[in-house]
Amino acid sequence: MTNKIAIGLGLSILGLIALDHFLADGFNTLFLLRKLADLIEWLAFWR
């Protein structure tokens, strides 16, 4: 991965999080973070 691609992906992710914050008060980001926490817990169980 080149620096340009990494910067582009980072800016895209930050932009989408900001867009979610302004349009939906961050509910979608919170939902995804909760699902990520569940996934990590599930993976830790199977370890």
N, C-alpha and C. Protein backbone atom coordinates (compact mmCIF):
# COMPACT_ATOMS: atom_id res chain seq x y z
N MET A 1 0.85 -1.16 0.00
CA MET A 1 0.00 0.00 0.00
C MET A 1 0.91 1.23 0.00
N THR A 2 0.63 2.12 -0.90
CA THR A 2 1.43 3.33 -0.97
C THR A 2 0.89 4.38 0.00
N ASN A 3 1.68 5.42 0.21
CA ASN A 3 1.25 6.49 1.11
C ASN A 3 0.01 7.20 0.60
N LYS A 4 -0.09 7.37 -0.71
CA LYS A 4 -1.26 8.06 -1.28
C LYS A 4 -2.54 7.27 -1.04
N ILE A 5 -2.44 5.96 -1.21
CA ILE A 5 -3.62 5.12 -0.97
C ILE A 5 -4.00 5.14 0.51
N ALA A 6 -3.02 5.05 1.40
CA ALA A 6 -3.29 5.06 2.84
C ALA A 6 -3.92 6.37 3.28
N ILE A 7 -3.42 7.48 2.76
CA ILE A 7 -3.98 8.78 3.11
C ILE A 7 -5.39 8.91 2.56
N GLY A 8 -5.61 8.44 1.34
CA GLY A 8 -6.94 8.49 0.74
C GLY A 8 -7.95 7.67 1.52
N LEU A 9 -7.56 6.45 1.93
CA LEU A 9 -8.46 5.62 2.73
C LEU A 9 -8.74 6.25 4.08
N GLY A 10 -7.71 6.79 4.72
CA GLY A 10 -7.89 7.44 6.02
C GLY A 10 -8.83 8.63 5.94
N LEU A 11 -8.64 9.46 4.93
CA LEU A 11 -9.52 10.62 4.76
C LEU A 11 -10.95 10.20 4.42
N SER A 12 -11.09 9.13 3.64
CA SER A 12 -12.43 8.64 3.31
C SER A 12 -13.15 8.14 4.56
N ILE A 13 -12.44 7.39 5.38
CA ILE A 13 -13.05 6.87 6.62
C ILE A 13 -13.42 8.01 7.55
N LEU A 14 -12.52 8.96 7.73
CA LEU A 14 -12.83 10.11 8.59
C LEU A 14 -13.99 10.93 8.04
N GLY A 15 -14.04 11.08 6.73
CA GLY A 15 -15.14 11.81 6.11
C GLY A 15 -16.47 11.12 6.32
N LEU A 16 -16.49 9.79 6.18
CA LEU A 16 -17.73 9.06 6.40
C LEU A 16 -18.18 9.10 7.86
N ILE A 17 -17.23 9.06 8.77
CA ILE A 17 -17.58 9.18 10.20
C ILE A 17 -18.14 10.56 10.49
N ALA A 18 -17.53 11.60 9.91
CA ALA A 18 -18.04 12.97 10.10
C ALA A 18 -19.42 13.12 9.49
N LEU A 19 -19.64 12.54 8.31
CA LEU A 19 -20.94 12.61 7.66
C LEU A 19 -22.00 11.92 8.51
N ASP A 20 -21.67 10.77 9.07
CA ASP A 20 -22.59 10.06 9.96
C ASP A 20 -22.89 10.90 11.20
N HIS A 21 -21.89 11.55 11.72
CA HIS A 21 -22.08 12.38 12.92
C HIS A 21 -23.06 13.52 12.65
N PHE A 22 -22.92 14.16 11.50
CA PHE A 22 -23.77 15.31 11.21
C PHE A 22 -25.16 14.92 10.72
N LEU A 23 -25.29 13.80 10.01
CA LEU A 23 -26.59 13.42 9.46
C LEU A 23 -27.40 12.52 10.39
N ALA A 24 -26.73 11.65 11.13
CA ALA A 24 -27.45 10.67 11.95
C ALA A 24 -27.01 10.70 13.41
N ASP A 25 -26.34 11.73 13.83
CA ASP A 25 -25.87 11.88 15.22
C ASP A 25 -24.97 10.74 15.67
N GLY A 26 -24.31 10.09 14.74
CA GLY A 26 -23.34 9.06 15.07
C GLY A 26 -23.92 7.71 15.42
N PHE A 27 -25.20 7.49 15.17
CA PHE A 27 -25.82 6.22 15.52
C PHE A 27 -25.25 5.05 14.71
N ASN A 28 -24.96 5.28 13.44
CA ASN A 28 -24.42 4.20 12.61
C ASN A 28 -23.01 3.81 13.05
N THR A 29 -22.21 4.79 13.39
CA THR A 29 -20.86 4.50 13.87
C THR A 29 -20.91 3.75 15.20
N LEU A 30 -21.80 4.15 16.07
CA LEU A 30 -21.96 3.46 17.35
C LEU A 30 -22.41 2.02 17.14
N PHE A 31 -23.34 1.81 16.21
CA PHE A 31 -23.80 0.46 15.90
C PHE A 31 -22.64 -0.41 15.41
N LEU A 32 -21.83 0.13 14.49
CA LEU A 32 -20.70 -0.64 13.96
C LEU A 32 -19.66 -0.93 15.03
N LEU A 33 -19.41 0.02 15.93
CA LEU A 33 -18.45 -0.21 17.00
C LEU A 33 -18.94 -1.28 17.97
N ARG A 34 -20.25 -1.29 18.24
CA ARG A 34 -20.80 -2.34 19.11
C ARG A 34 -20.68 -3.71 18.46
N LYS A 35 -20.96 -3.78 17.16
CA LYS A 35 -20.83 -5.06 16.45
C LYS A 35 -19.36 -5.50 16.40
N LEU A 36 -18.45 -4.56 16.26
CA LEU A 36 -17.03 -4.89 16.28
C LEU A 36 -16.62 -5.45 17.64
N ALA A 37 -17.14 -4.86 18.71
CA ALA A 37 -16.85 -5.37 20.06
C ALA A 37 -17.39 -6.78 20.23
N ASP A 38 -18.59 -7.05 19.70
CA ASP A 38 -19.14 -8.41 19.76
C ASP A 38 -18.29 -9.39 18.97
N LEU A 39 -17.81 -8.97 17.80
CA LEU A 39 -16.95 -9.82 16.99
C LEU A 39 -15.65 -10.14 17.71
N ILE A 40 -15.05 -9.15 18.34
CA ILE A 40 -13.80 -9.37 19.07
C ILE A 40 -14.03 -10.32 20.23
N GLU A 41 -15.15 -10.16 20.93
CA GLU A 41 -15.46 -11.07 22.04
C GLU A 41 -15.68 -12.49 21.54
N TRP A 42 -16.37 -12.64 20.41
CA TRP A 42 -16.62 -13.95 19.82
C TRP A 42 -15.31 -14.60 19.39
N LEU A 43 -14.43 -13.84 18.79
CA LEU A 43 -13.13 -14.37 18.36
C LEU A 43 -12.27 -14.76 19.56
N ALA A 44 -12.34 -13.99 20.62
CA ALA A 44 -11.57 -14.31 21.82
C ALA A 44 -12.08 -15.61 22.46
N PHE A 45 -13.38 -15.85 22.37
CA PHE A 45 -13.94 -17.08 22.90
C PHE A 45 -13.39 -18.29 22.16
N TRP A 46 -13.28 -18.20 20.83
CA TRP A 46 -12.82 -19.33 20.03
C TRP A 46 -11.31 -19.47 20.01
N ARG A 47 -10.61 -18.57 20.61
CA ARG A 47 -9.16 -18.67 20.70
C ARG A 47 -8.85 -19.67 21.74
